[in-house]
Amino acid sequence: MDRPSYGYSADDVPPPQDGPGGQEQGQPVCPRHPDRVSYVRCKRCDRPACPECQRPASVGVLCADCAREVSRQRASTRPRNAMGGAMGRSRPLVTYTLIGLCVLAYLGQMAAPQIVTQLAIFAPFRALAMPWTFFTAGFLHGGVLHLALNMYALWAVGQYLERTLGHVRYLAVYLVSVLGGHTAVYLLADATSQEWVTGTLGASGGVFGLFAAMFIVNRHLGGQTAQILVLIGLNLVITFTVPNISWQGHLGGLLLGAAMTAGMFALRPRAAPGADRQALARRSALVHAGVITAGVLLCLALIALKAMMVLAL
C-alpha cells in the first residue's frame, strides 16, 4: 500500500556519489534556485522546492509557481455581481455613509445656516464660480420632512443596488445623478428670470437616478419592474404638481442615472465558458469607468454650452 509522502520522496535520496565541487550527483534541486538542493517536493507539480519557494498548503507544501496559479484559479471562480465586479460586503456601507453625510450636513445647516447653506447650496447664477455646489447641494435639505423622505428612499433603494452594482459603481451612479440633476437645473434655468438666482438643494436628483438604475437592473436580471415604474410615476406626479419642487433636478437625475446604468449593462464584457473571469472583471472596471467619465463629460459640455449662451445675451 502506498503511503502519502507529504512533500518528501524516498526516490529523492541520491546514491552516494560525489560530483564536481563535492556535491553529490543526482541531487534534486529547486528549479527557481538551481544552486539549492531540496528533498521537499511540491504536492501539485512534484518539483523540488527550496525553503524560500515553499508555500504551506492544507497537506504538504506547494512551490511558489503552483501557489500563484492556485490563487489565480480561486480568484477567477469567485462570485461576481451583476456588473462583473467582485462581490463586496453584504452591509451597504456606502448607503449608510451617504445617509450619515446628509444628516451631518443638515445638522450643520441648523447650527450655522449662513455658513453651511450659503457655501453648499446650488444656484445657477454662481454655479461656475462655485462648481463644488453641483455636488454639495445634494447633501443639503430644506427641512426635517424633506430629509426624512429622501433618506428613507435612499435607504430602501440603496441597499439593494449597492449589493447588485458593487460599492464603487453604485456610488458613481448616485453622484453622477446628483451632478446630472443640477446640470439640468442650470441648463433649463432662464437667465433673465428669478430661476437664475433661486437656490436648489436636496438629494432627490441622486435618488431619482437610483430609481432609474433599479428599474434597469431588475429588467436585465428578470426581476419585477411594474412596481418600480409605479414608484417613478408617482414621484414624477408629485414633482410636477407640488410647488417649490425642482422638476429639472429630478428629471435630470432620472435620465442620467438611467443612461449610466444602461450603458454599463450594454458595454459590460460577456463571460464565455472557460474565460478568465478575473481578467473580465478588470476589463469591466475599465469599461464602466469610461461610461461614468462619459456621463461627467456630457454634463460639463452642457454646462459650457449654457455658459456661452448666457454670455451671448
C-alpha atoms as a PDB file:
ATOM      1  CA  MET A   1       0.000   0.000   0.000  1.00  0.00           C
ATOM      2  CA  ASP A   2       1.347   3.430  -0.957  1.00  0.00           C
ATOM      3  CA  ARG A   3       1.783   5.960   1.798  1.00  0.00           C
ATOM      4  CA  PRO A   4       1.479   9.730   1.345  1.00  0.00           C
ATOM      5  CA  SER A   5       4.813  11.482   1.102  1.00  0.00           C
ATOM      6  CA  TYR A   6       3.602  14.888   2.368  1.00  0.00           C
ATOM      7  CA  GLY A   7       6.119  16.572   0.101  1.00  0.00           C
ATOM      8  CA  TYR A   8       9.002  14.175   0.700  1.00  0.00           C
ATOM      9  CA  SER A   9      10.034  11.328  -1.577  1.00  0.00           C
ATOM     10  CA  ALA A  10      12.407   8.469  -0.852  1.00  0.00           C
ATOM     11  CA  ASP A  11      13.308   8.499  -4.541  1.00  0.00           C
ATOM     12  CA  ASP A  12      14.906  11.898  -3.973  1.00  0.00           C
ATOM     13  CA  VAL A  13      17.692  10.360  -1.898  1.00  0.00           C
ATOM     14  CA  PRO A  14      20.667  10.131  -4.309  1.00  0.00           C
ATOM     15  CA  PRO A  15      23.271   7.451  -4.446  1.00  0.00           C
ATOM     16  CA  PRO A  16      26.396   8.332  -2.506  1.00  0.00           C
ATOM     17  CA  GLN A  17      28.395   9.574  -5.486  1.00  0.00           C
ATOM     18  CA  ASP A  18      30.490  12.676  -5.400  1.00  0.00           C
ATOM     19  CA  GLY A  19      30.271  15.100  -8.289  1.00  0.00           C
ATOM     20  CA  PRO A  20      32.160  18.246  -9.191  1.00  0.00           C
ATOM     21  CA  GLY A  21      32.648  20.672  -6.322  1.00  0.00           C
ATOM     22  CA  GLY A  22      31.991  17.944  -3.758  1.00  0.00           C
ATOM     23  CA  GLN A  23      28.223  17.836  -4.452  1.00  0.00           C
ATOM     24  CA  GLU A  24      26.548  14.512  -4.909  1.00  0.00           C
ATOM     25  CA  GLN A  25      25.302  13.743  -8.399  1.00  0.00           C
ATOM     26  CA  GLY A  26      21.553  13.223  -8.898  1.00  0.00           C
ATOM     27  CA  GLN A  27      20.512  15.520  -6.076  1.00  0.00           C
ATOM     28  CA  PRO A  28      17.137  17.245  -6.641  1.00  0.00           C
ATOM     29  CA  VAL A  29      17.495  20.987  -6.958  1.00  0.00           C
ATOM     30  CA  CYS A  30      14.960  23.772  -6.864  1.00  0.00           C
ATOM     31  CA  PRO A  31      14.028  24.869 -10.426  1.00  0.00           C
ATOM     32  CA  ARG A  32      13.972  28.523  -9.366  1.00  0.00           C
ATOM     33  CA  HIS A  33      17.261  28.248  -7.463  1.00  0.00           C
ATOM     34  CA  PRO A  34      19.390  25.546  -9.150  1.00  0.00           C
ATOM     35  CA  ASP A  35      22.177  26.001  -6.609  1.00  0.00           C
ATOM     36  CA  ARG A  36      19.967  24.784  -3.766  1.00  0.00           C
ATOM     37  CA  VAL A  37      19.317  21.118  -3.031  1.00  0.00           C
ATOM     38  CA  SER A  38      15.817  20.255  -1.799  1.00  0.00           C
ATOM     39  CA  TYR A  39      14.209  16.943  -0.921  1.00  0.00           C
ATOM     40  CA  VAL A  40      10.809  18.604  -0.423  1.00  0.00           C
ATOM     41  CA  ARG A  41       8.552  18.382  -3.466  1.00  0.00           C
ATOM     42  CA  CYS A  42       5.501  20.375  -4.461  1.00  0.00           C
ATOM     43  CA  LYS A  43       2.313  18.382  -3.941  1.00  0.00           C
ATOM     44  CA  ARG A  44       0.891  19.736  -7.207  1.00  0.00           C
ATOM     45  CA  CYS A  45       3.688  19.542  -9.771  1.00  0.00           C
ATOM     46  CA  ASP A  46       6.087  17.220  -7.859  1.00  0.00           C
ATOM     47  CA  ARG A  47       9.040  19.532  -8.469  1.00  0.00           C
ATOM     48  CA  PRO A  48      11.606  20.156  -5.704  1.00  0.00           C
ATOM     49  CA  ALA A  49      11.115  23.405  -3.789  1.00  0.00           C
ATOM     50  CA  CYS A  50      13.722  25.046  -1.599  1.00  0.00           C
ATOM     51  CA  PRO A  51      12.645  26.671   1.696  1.00  0.00           C
ATOM     52  CA  GLU A  52      12.343  30.084   0.022  1.00  0.00           C
ATOM     53  CA  CYS A  53       9.972  28.719  -2.632  1.00  0.00           C
ATOM     54  CA  GLN A  54       7.858  26.548  -0.340  1.00  0.00           C
ATOM     55  CA  ARG A  55       4.288  27.670   0.357  1.00  0.00           C
ATOM     56  CA  PRO A  56       2.329  25.824   3.073  1.00  0.00           C
ATOM     57  CA  ALA A  57      -0.819  24.064   1.884  1.00  0.00           C
ATOM     58  CA  SER A  58      -3.542  22.069   3.621  1.00  0.00           C
ATOM     59  CA  VAL A  59      -1.412  18.942   3.191  1.00  0.00           C
ATOM     60  CA  GLY A  60       2.282  19.259   2.462  1.00  0.00           C
ATOM     61  CA  VAL A  61       3.644  22.257   0.559  1.00  0.00           C
ATOM     62  CA  LEU A  62       3.319  23.925  -2.829  1.00  0.00           C
ATOM     63  CA  CYS A  63       6.014  25.612  -4.847  1.00  0.00           C
ATOM     64  CA  ALA A  64       5.754  29.351  -5.463  1.00  0.00           C
ATOM     65  CA  ASP A  65       4.567  28.887  -9.065  1.00  0.00           C
ATOM     66  CA  CYS A  66       1.776  26.447  -8.169  1.00  0.00           C
ATOM     67  CA  ALA A  67       0.673  28.562  -5.196  1.00  0.00           C
ATOM     68  CA  ARG A  68       0.338  31.561  -7.520  1.00  0.00           C
ATOM     69  CA  GLU A  69      -1.624  29.506 -10.068  1.00  0.00           C
ATOM     70  CA  VAL A  70      -3.972  28.120  -7.400  1.00  0.00           C
ATOM     71  CA  SER A  71      -4.584  31.644  -6.113  1.00  0.00           C
ATOM     72  CA  ARG A  72      -5.352  32.836  -9.664  1.00  0.00           C
ATOM     73  CA  GLN A  73      -7.784  29.962 -10.213  1.00  0.00           C
ATOM     74  CA  ARG A  74      -9.589  30.693  -6.955  1.00  0.00           C
ATOM     75  CA  ALA A  75      -9.876  34.385  -7.870  1.00  0.00           C
ATOM     76  CA  SER A  76     -11.297  33.507 -11.284  1.00  0.00           C
ATOM     77  CA  THR A  77     -14.078  31.425  -9.727  1.00  0.00           C
ATOM     78  CA  ARG A  78     -15.155  33.923  -7.067  1.00  0.00           C
ATOM     79  CA  PRO A  79     -18.770  35.060  -7.379  1.00  0.00           C
ATOM     80  CA  ARG A  80     -19.290  38.316  -9.284  1.00  0.00           C
ATOM     81  CA  ASN A  81     -22.072  40.873  -9.068  1.00  0.00           C
ATOM     82  CA  ALA A  82     -24.380  41.864 -11.930  1.00  0.00           C
ATOM     83  CA  MET A  83     -21.763  44.234 -13.351  1.00  0.00           C
ATOM     84  CA  GLY A  84     -18.934  41.689 -13.313  1.00  0.00           C
ATOM     85  CA  GLY A  85     -17.196  43.189 -10.285  1.00  0.00           C
ATOM     86  CA  ALA A  86     -16.146  41.416  -7.124  1.00  0.00           C
ATOM     87  CA  MET A  87     -18.850  40.823  -4.548  1.00  0.00           C
ATOM     88  CA  GLY A  88     -18.493  43.403  -1.808  1.00  0.00           C
ATOM     89  CA  ARG A  89     -19.509  43.219   1.799  1.00  0.00           C
ATOM     90  CA  SER A  90     -23.126  42.404   2.465  1.00  0.00           C
ATOM     91  CA  ARG A  91     -23.566  45.553   4.550  1.00  0.00           C
ATOM     92  CA  PRO A  92     -24.404  48.630   2.423  1.00  0.00           C
ATOM     93  CA  LEU A  93     -21.672  50.820   3.843  1.00  0.00           C
ATOM     94  CA  VAL A  94     -21.855  53.408   1.044  1.00  0.00           C
ATOM     95  CA  THR A  95     -25.586  53.878   1.590  1.00  0.00           C
ATOM     96  CA  TYR A  96     -25.101  54.325   5.324  1.00  0.00           C
ATOM     97  CA  THR A  97     -22.268  56.777   4.684  1.00  0.00           C
ATOM     98  CA  LEU A  98     -24.370  58.873   2.290  1.00  0.00           C
ATOM     99  CA  ILE A  99     -27.216  58.987   4.797  1.00  0.00           C
ATOM    100  CA  GLY A 100     -24.809  59.957   7.558  1.00  0.00           C
ATOM    101  CA  LEU A 101     -23.320  62.768   5.478  1.00  0.00           C
ATOM    102  CA  CYS A 102     -26.780  64.141   4.671  1.00  0.00           C
ATOM    103  CA  VAL A 103     -27.726  64.091   8.354  1.00  0.00           C
ATOM    104  CA  LEU A 104     -24.468  65.800   9.334  1.00  0.00           C
ATOM    105  CA  ALA A 105     -24.977  68.426   6.635  1.00  0.00           C
ATOM    106  CA  TYR A 106     -28.491  69.128   7.922  1.00  0.00           C
ATOM    107  CA  LEU A 107     -27.188  69.492  11.473  1.00  0.00           C
ATOM    108  CA  GLY A 108     -24.620  71.922  10.098  1.00  0.00           C
ATOM    109  CA  GLN A 109     -27.434  73.850   8.417  1.00  0.00           C
ATOM    110  CA  MET A 110     -29.214  74.102  11.766  1.00  0.00           C
ATOM    111  CA  ALA A 111     -26.092  75.138  13.646  1.00  0.00           C
ATOM    112  CA  ALA A 112     -24.658  77.623  11.127  1.00  0.00           C
ATOM    113  CA  PRO A 113     -27.153  78.195   8.305  1.00  0.00           C
ATOM    114  CA  GLN A 114     -25.461  81.268   6.907  1.00  0.00           C
ATOM    115  CA  ILE A 115     -22.185  79.410   6.518  1.00  0.00           C
ATOM    116  CA  VAL A 116     -23.136  75.854   5.531  1.00  0.00           C
ATOM    117  CA  THR A 117     -26.114  76.671   3.330  1.00  0.00           C
ATOM    118  CA  GLN A 118     -24.513  79.602   1.557  1.00  0.00           C
ATOM    119  CA  LEU A 119     -21.332  77.689   0.830  1.00  0.00           C
ATOM    120  CA  ALA A 120     -23.028  74.479  -0.370  1.00  0.00           C
ATOM    121  CA  ILE A 121     -26.372  75.388  -1.952  1.00  0.00           C
ATOM    122  CA  PHE A 122     -26.618  75.372  -5.752  1.00  0.00           C
ATOM    123  CA  ALA A 123     -27.759  78.465  -7.636  1.00  0.00           C
ATOM    124  CA  PRO A 124     -27.343  78.879 -11.411  1.00  0.00           C
ATOM    125  CA  PHE A 125     -26.054  82.459 -11.281  1.00  0.00           C
ATOM    126  CA  ARG A 126     -22.986  81.483  -9.247  1.00  0.00           C
ATOM    127  CA  ALA A 127     -22.576  77.845 -10.308  1.00  0.00           C
ATOM    128  CA  LEU A 128     -19.421  78.438 -12.339  1.00  0.00           C
ATOM    129  CA  ALA A 129     -17.834  80.456  -9.539  1.00  0.00           C
ATOM    130  CA  MET A 130     -18.697  77.703  -7.003  1.00  0.00           C
ATOM    131  CA  PRO A 131     -18.574  74.454  -9.033  1.00  0.00           C
ATOM    132  CA  TRP A 132     -18.496  72.232  -5.934  1.00  0.00           C
ATOM    133  CA  THR A 133     -22.139  73.131  -5.323  1.00  0.00           C
ATOM    134  CA  PHE A 134     -23.135  70.815  -8.192  1.00  0.00           C
ATOM    135  CA  PHE A 135     -22.428  68.025  -5.667  1.00  0.00           C
ATOM    136  CA  THR A 136     -22.636  69.570  -2.203  1.00  0.00           C
ATOM    137  CA  ALA A 137     -26.202  70.793  -2.703  1.00  0.00           C
ATOM    138  CA  GLY A 138     -27.214  67.146  -2.931  1.00  0.00           C
ATOM    139  CA  PHE A 139     -26.414  66.738   0.773  1.00  0.00           C
ATOM    140  CA  LEU A 140     -28.455  69.727   1.982  1.00  0.00           C
ATOM    141  CA  HIS A 141     -32.186  69.661   2.730  1.00  0.00           C
ATOM    142  CA  GLY A 142     -34.921  72.185   3.284  1.00  0.00           C
ATOM    143  CA  GLY A 143     -36.421  70.656   6.408  1.00  0.00           C
ATOM    144  CA  VAL A 144     -36.802  67.541   8.538  1.00  0.00           C
ATOM    145  CA  LEU A 145     -39.584  66.087   6.350  1.00  0.00           C
ATOM    146  CA  HIS A 146     -37.553  66.707   3.178  1.00  0.00           C
ATOM    147  CA  LEU A 147     -34.558  64.976   4.771  1.00  0.00           C
ATOM    148  CA  ALA A 148     -36.603  62.062   6.114  1.00  0.00           C
ATOM    149  CA  LEU A 149     -38.306  61.299   2.799  1.00  0.00           C
ATOM    150  CA  ASN A 150     -35.072  61.365   0.811  1.00  0.00           C
ATOM    151  CA  MET A 151     -33.158  59.308   3.378  1.00  0.00           C
ATOM    152  CA  TYR A 152     -35.889  56.682   3.527  1.00  0.00           C
ATOM    153  CA  ALA A 153     -35.884  56.371  -0.269  1.00  0.00           C
ATOM    154  CA  LEU A 154     -32.076  56.190  -0.290  1.00  0.00           C
ATOM    155  CA  TRP A 155     -32.086  53.516   2.401  1.00  0.00           C
ATOM    156  CA  ALA A 156     -34.822  51.448   0.713  1.00  0.00           C
ATOM    157  CA  VAL A 157     -33.347  51.500  -2.791  1.00  0.00           C
ATOM    158  CA  GLY A 158     -29.659  51.881  -1.981  1.00  0.00           C
ATOM    159  CA  GLN A 159     -29.250  48.647  -0.036  1.00  0.00           C
ATOM    160  CA  TYR A 160     -30.348  46.531  -2.981  1.00  0.00           C
ATOM    161  CA  LEU A 161     -28.458  48.493  -5.617  1.00  0.00           C
ATOM    162  CA  GLU A 162     -25.224  48.614  -3.657  1.00  0.00           C
ATOM    163  CA  ARG A 163     -25.104  44.815  -3.405  1.00  0.00           C
ATOM    164  CA  THR A 164     -26.088  44.415  -7.063  1.00  0.00           C
ATOM    165  CA  LEU A 165     -23.812  47.028  -8.641  1.00  0.00           C
ATOM    166  CA  GLY A 166     -20.962  46.978  -6.143  1.00  0.00           C
ATOM    167  CA  HIS A 167     -19.862  49.792  -3.864  1.00  0.00           C
ATOM    168  CA  VAL A 168     -17.910  51.863  -6.394  1.00  0.00           C
ATOM    169  CA  ARG A 169     -20.354  51.638  -9.302  1.00  0.00           C
ATOM    170  CA  TYR A 170     -23.288  52.357  -7.019  1.00  0.00           C
ATOM    171  CA  LEU A 171     -21.610  55.443  -5.583  1.00  0.00           C
ATOM    172  CA  ALA A 172     -20.678  56.614  -9.079  1.00  0.00           C
ATOM    173  CA  VAL A 173     -24.263  56.302 -10.338  1.00  0.00           C
ATOM    174  CA  TYR A 174     -25.541  58.237  -7.343  1.00  0.00           C
ATOM    175  CA  LEU A 175     -23.024  61.080  -7.578  1.00  0.00           C
ATOM    176  CA  VAL A 176     -23.327  61.417 -11.356  1.00  0.00           C
ATOM    177  CA  SER A 177     -27.114  61.528 -10.945  1.00  0.00           C
ATOM    178  CA  VAL A 178     -26.715  64.374  -8.444  1.00  0.00           C
ATOM    179  CA  LEU A 179     -24.480  66.141 -10.956  1.00  0.00           C
ATOM    180  CA  GLY A 180     -26.997  65.460 -13.734  1.00  0.00           C
ATOM    181  CA  GLY A 181     -29.830  66.908 -11.685  1.00  0.00           C
ATOM    182  CA  HIS A 182     -28.054  70.196 -11.036  1.00  0.00           C
ATOM    183  CA  THR A 183     -26.791  70.309 -14.609  1.00  0.00           C
ATOM    184  CA  ALA A 184     -30.410  70.134 -15.767  1.00  0.00           C
ATOM    185  CA  VAL A 185     -31.327  72.961 -13.360  1.00  0.00           C
ATOM    186  CA  TYR A 186     -28.500  75.086 -14.765  1.00  0.00           C
ATOM    187  CA  LEU A 187     -29.299  74.202 -18.370  1.00  0.00           C
ATOM    188  CA  LEU A 188     -33.054  74.848 -18.182  1.00  0.00           C
ATOM    189  CA  ALA A 189     -32.997  77.931 -15.947  1.00  0.00           C
ATOM    190  CA  ASP A 190     -33.939  81.207 -17.639  1.00  0.00           C
ATOM    191  CA  ALA A 191     -31.050  83.614 -17.140  1.00  0.00           C
ATOM    192  CA  THR A 192     -33.438  86.577 -17.317  1.00  0.00           C
ATOM    193  CA  SER A 193     -35.867  85.328 -14.657  1.00  0.00           C
ATOM    194  CA  GLN A 194     -35.926  84.604 -10.938  1.00  0.00           C
ATOM    195  CA  GLU A 195     -34.927  80.987 -11.688  1.00  0.00           C
ATOM    196  CA  TRP A 196     -31.361  82.141 -12.312  1.00  0.00           C
ATOM    197  CA  VAL A 197     -30.882  83.272  -8.697  1.00  0.00           C
ATOM    198  CA  THR A 198     -33.035  80.647  -6.970  1.00  0.00           C
ATOM    199  CA  GLY A 199     -31.167  78.093  -4.841  1.00  0.00           C
ATOM    200  CA  THR A 200     -31.675  74.340  -5.222  1.00  0.00           C
ATOM    201  CA  LEU A 201     -30.858  71.670  -2.659  1.00  0.00           C
ATOM    202  CA  GLY A 202     -31.685  68.071  -1.786  1.00  0.00           C
ATOM    203  CA  ALA A 203     -30.665  64.510  -2.588  1.00  0.00           C
ATOM    204  CA  SER A 204     -33.666  63.989  -4.862  1.00  0.00           C
ATOM    205  CA  GLY A 205     -31.629  64.083  -8.087  1.00  0.00           C
ATOM    206  CA  GLY A 206     -29.456  61.223  -6.840  1.00  0.00           C
ATOM    207  CA  VAL A 207     -32.470  59.308  -5.519  1.00  0.00           C
ATOM    208  CA  PHE A 208     -34.278  59.613  -8.860  1.00  0.00           C
ATOM    209  CA  GLY A 209     -31.124  58.337 -10.559  1.00  0.00           C
ATOM    210  CA  LEU A 210     -31.224  55.301  -8.266  1.00  0.00           C
ATOM    211  CA  PHE A 211     -34.900  54.748  -9.115  1.00  0.00           C
ATOM    212  CA  ALA A 212     -33.963  54.565 -12.786  1.00  0.00           C
ATOM    213  CA  ALA A 213     -30.977  52.324 -12.033  1.00  0.00           C
ATOM    214  CA  MET A 214     -33.175  49.930 -10.066  1.00  0.00           C
ATOM    215  CA  PHE A 215     -35.620  49.667 -12.955  1.00  0.00           C
ATOM    216  CA  ILE A 216     -32.850  48.857 -15.440  1.00  0.00           C
ATOM    217  CA  VAL A 217     -31.158  46.383 -13.091  1.00  0.00           C
ATOM    218  CA  ASN A 218     -34.383  44.469 -12.481  1.00  0.00           C
ATOM    219  CA  ARG A 219     -35.203  44.499 -16.175  1.00  0.00           C
ATOM    220  CA  HIS A 220     -31.850  42.915 -17.043  1.00  0.00           C
ATOM    221  CA  LEU A 221     -31.971  40.418 -14.174  1.00  0.00           C
ATOM    222  CA  GLY A 222     -35.560  39.375 -14.785  1.00  0.00           C
ATOM    223  CA  GLY A 223     -36.950  40.976 -11.632  1.00  0.00           C
ATOM    224  CA  GLN A 224     -40.171  42.896 -11.053  1.00  0.00           C
ATOM    225  CA  THR A 225     -40.325  46.260 -12.826  1.00  0.00           C
ATOM    226  CA  ALA A 226     -44.005  47.219 -12.623  1.00  0.00           C
ATOM    227  CA  GLN A 227     -43.755  48.393  -9.013  1.00  0.00           C
ATOM    228  CA  ILE A 228     -40.692  50.494  -9.801  1.00  0.00           C
ATOM    229  CA  LEU A 229     -42.481  52.133 -12.716  1.00  0.00           C
ATOM    230  CA  VAL A 230     -45.399  52.974 -10.420  1.00  0.00           C
ATOM    231  CA  LEU A 231     -42.944  54.411  -7.878  1.00  0.00           C
ATOM    232  CA  ILE A 232     -41.258  56.564 -10.510  1.00  0.00           C
ATOM    233  CA  GLY A 233     -44.607  57.658 -11.916  1.00  0.00           C
ATOM    234  CA  LEU A 234     -45.975  58.700  -8.520  1.00  0.00           C
ATOM    235  CA  ASN A 235     -42.846  60.660  -7.720  1.00  0.00           C
ATOM    236  CA  LEU A 236     -42.993  62.418 -11.084  1.00  0.00           C
ATOM    237  CA  VAL A 237     -46.618  63.360 -10.457  1.00  0.00           C
ATOM    238  CA  ILE A 238     -45.618  64.853  -7.100  1.00  0.00           C
ATOM    239  CA  THR A 239     -42.691  66.597  -8.767  1.00  0.00           C
ATOM    240  CA  PHE A 240     -44.849  68.376 -11.332  1.00  0.00           C
ATOM    241  CA  THR A 241     -47.859  69.128  -9.103  1.00  0.00           C
ATOM    242  CA  VAL A 242     -46.390  70.206  -5.761  1.00  0.00           C
ATOM    243  CA  PRO A 243     -44.959  73.740  -5.806  1.00  0.00           C
ATOM    244  CA  ASN A 244     -41.347  74.609  -4.925  1.00  0.00           C
ATOM    245  CA  ILE A 245     -40.001  71.277  -6.194  1.00  0.00           C
ATOM    246  CA  SER A 246     -37.212  71.336  -8.753  1.00  0.00           C
ATOM    247  CA  TRP A 247     -38.632  69.190 -11.544  1.00  0.00           C
ATOM    248  CA  GLN A 248     -35.496  69.929 -13.575  1.00  0.00           C
ATOM    249  CA  GLY A 249     -33.289  68.345 -10.924  1.00  0.00           C
ATOM    250  CA  HIS A 250     -35.494  65.285 -10.583  1.00  0.00           C
ATOM    251  CA  LEU A 251     -35.735  64.773 -14.335  1.00  0.00           C
ATOM    252  CA  GLY A 252     -32.015  65.318 -14.896  1.00  0.00           C
ATOM    253  CA  GLY A 253     -31.067  62.812 -12.191  1.00  0.00           C
ATOM    254  CA  LEU A 254     -33.563  60.281 -13.535  1.00  0.00           C
ATOM    255  CA  LEU A 255     -32.305  60.498 -17.122  1.00  0.00           C
ATOM    256  CA  LEU A 256     -28.603  60.432 -16.319  1.00  0.00           C
ATOM    257  CA  GLY A 257     -28.967  57.613 -13.773  1.00  0.00           C
ATOM    258  CA  ALA A 258     -30.808  55.595 -16.405  1.00  0.00           C
ATOM    259  CA  ALA A 259     -28.179  56.356 -19.048  1.00  0.00           C
ATOM    260  CA  MET A 260     -25.271  55.390 -16.770  1.00  0.00           C
ATOM    261  CA  THR A 261     -26.799  52.088 -15.675  1.00  0.00           C
ATOM    262  CA  ALA A 262     -27.980  51.150 -19.166  1.00  0.00           C
ATOM    263  CA  GLY A 263     -24.552  51.970 -20.590  1.00  0.00           C
ATOM    264  CA  MET A 264     -22.776  49.804 -18.019  1.00  0.00           C
ATOM    265  CA  PHE A 265     -25.051  46.854 -18.742  1.00  0.00           C
ATOM    266  CA  ALA A 266     -24.802  47.264 -22.510  1.00  0.00           C
ATOM    267  CA  LEU A 267     -20.995  47.513 -22.580  1.00  0.00           C
ATOM    268  CA  ARG A 268     -20.003  45.012 -19.901  1.00  0.00           C
ATOM    269  CA  PRO A 269     -17.808  42.167 -21.250  1.00  0.00           C
ATOM    270  CA  ARG A 270     -19.566  38.835 -21.703  1.00  0.00           C
ATOM    271  CA  ALA A 271     -18.152  35.779 -19.935  1.00  0.00           C
ATOM    272  CA  ALA A 272     -17.621  32.868 -22.320  1.00  0.00           C
ATOM    273  CA  PRO A 273     -17.181  29.306 -20.984  1.00  0.00           C
ATOM    274  CA  GLY A 274     -13.668  28.883 -19.640  1.00  0.00           C
ATOM    275  CA  ALA A 275     -12.861  32.604 -19.781  1.00  0.00           C
ATOM    276  CA  ASP A 276     -10.583  34.217 -17.224  1.00  0.00           C
ATOM    277  CA  ARG A 277     -13.187  35.896 -15.043  1.00  0.00           C
ATOM    278  CA  GLN A 278     -10.579  37.915 -13.206  1.00  0.00           C
ATOM    279  CA  ALA A 279      -9.405  39.456 -16.482  1.00  0.00           C
ATOM    280  CA  LEU A 280     -13.038  40.090 -17.446  1.00  0.00           C
ATOM    281  CA  ALA A 281     -13.586  41.866 -14.145  1.00  0.00           C
ATOM    282  CA  ARG A 282     -10.622  44.169 -14.822  1.00  0.00           C
ATOM    283  CA  ARG A 283     -11.884  44.904 -18.328  1.00  0.00           C
ATOM    284  CA  SER A 284     -15.385  45.527 -16.969  1.00  0.00           C
ATOM    285  CA  ALA A 285     -13.993  48.022 -14.451  1.00  0.00           C
ATOM    286  CA  LEU A 286     -12.193  49.924 -17.224  1.00  0.00           C
ATOM    287  CA  VAL A 287     -15.263  49.968 -19.483  1.00  0.00           C
ATOM    288  CA  HIS A 288     -17.539  51.153 -16.696  1.00  0.00           C
ATOM    289  CA  ALA A 289     -15.051  53.819 -15.671  1.00  0.00           C
ATOM    290  CA  GLY A 290     -15.257  55.045 -19.269  1.00  0.00           C
ATOM    291  CA  VAL A 291     -19.084  55.108 -19.103  1.00  0.00           C
ATOM    292  CA  ILE A 292     -19.011  57.143 -15.900  1.00  0.00           C
ATOM    293  CA  THR A 293     -16.404  59.506 -17.334  1.00  0.00           C
ATOM    294  CA  ALA A 294     -18.567  59.973 -20.430  1.00  0.00           C
ATOM    295  CA  GLY A 295     -21.512  60.943 -18.217  1.00  0.00           C
ATOM    296  CA  VAL A 296     -19.440  63.531 -16.386  1.00  0.00           C
ATOM    297  CA  LEU A 297     -18.040  64.932 -19.642  1.00  0.00           C
ATOM    298  CA  LEU A 298     -21.568  65.211 -21.042  1.00  0.00           C
ATOM    299  CA  CYS A 299     -22.589  67.309 -18.050  1.00  0.00           C
ATOM    300  CA  LEU A 300     -19.508  69.507 -18.428  1.00  0.00           C
ATOM    301  CA  ALA A 301     -20.233  70.015 -22.123  1.00  0.00           C
ATOM    302  CA  LEU A 302     -23.833  71.043 -21.415  1.00  0.00           C
ATOM    303  CA  ILE A 303     -22.690  73.413 -18.680  1.00  0.00           C
ATOM    304  CA  ALA A 304     -20.152  75.012 -21.039  1.00  0.00           C
ATOM    305  CA  LEU A 305     -22.801  75.361 -23.761  1.00  0.00           C
ATOM    306  CA  LYS A 306     -25.199  77.072 -21.367  1.00  0.00           C
ATOM    307  CA  ALA A 307     -22.467  79.388 -20.100  1.00  0.00           C
ATOM    308  CA  MET A 308     -21.679  80.508 -23.655  1.00  0.00           C
ATOM    309  CA  MET A 309     -25.374  81.112 -24.306  1.00  0.00           C
ATOM    310  CA  VAL A 310     -25.642  83.268 -21.188  1.00  0.00           C
ATOM    311  CA  LEU A 311     -22.565  85.285 -22.140  1.00  0.00           C
ATOM    312  CA  ALA A 312     -24.047  85.871 -25.590  1.00  0.00           C
ATOM    313  CA  LEU A 313     -27.153  87.525 -24.106  1.00  0.00           C
END
